[in-house]
Amino acid sequence: MQKTTLSFVGSITTAVVASLCCIGPAVVAIIGAGSIGAFSAFEAYRPYFIGLTAILLGLAFYMTYRKREVKCEDGSCKIEGAGKWNKIGVWSATVIAALAIAYPYLAAKTSAASNTPDVSGPKASVVLDIQGMTCNACASHIQAALSEVKGVHRANVEYETGKGVVEYDPALVQPEALIKRVDETGYKAALAQER
């Protein structure tokens, strides 16, 4: 039981660490401390953590579903199988690990769907070069931060290009404030061009 529990806990922990570059800023933002790009250091190790998660889950499944030895102490031969809770535990750990690993992709999809433009007021547009993003969820966090700035009508940040396009009301906000907001999230932004 102890080895199986260790496999459960280990697989969930490594899955969370594998996605810490994206989960970390979300948790920090939820607790009200803004967002931080420092977790992006974990992105380089993500494939290794995902591999370790798979190995630990494999070990947990093996420990749970392996053939047990037959015990014939008192003349009645009995095979002890894995308990119901072990099986529930290994499948629960698998679901939690899968969700943690999929989080960067799920977060990017939900954030993109929720960014609806506010078309009231005068408009100007600026393109920002953004450095430090390691996945689509990073782009989602920056996009959400920009959308919260008073005077921003619409923000669209793309991880693939490293660019953010922001439509804003020039009477309420200037590009320097947008750059500052991106920098506050732990990433670096610079003015690419104004349209």
Foldseek 3Di string as FASTA:
>chain_A
DVLLVCLLVLLLVLLLLLLCQQVVQVVCVVVPNAAANPSLVSPVCNVVSNVSSVVSLVVNCCVQAPFADWDCDPNDTDTDHHDPVSVVSSVVSVVSSVCSNCVLVVQLVVLVVPFDFDPDADKWKFKKQKPSDNGSSLQSSLQVQLVPQPFWGTWGADPVRSMIMTIGHVVRDDVVVSQVSSVVNHIGIDTDDID
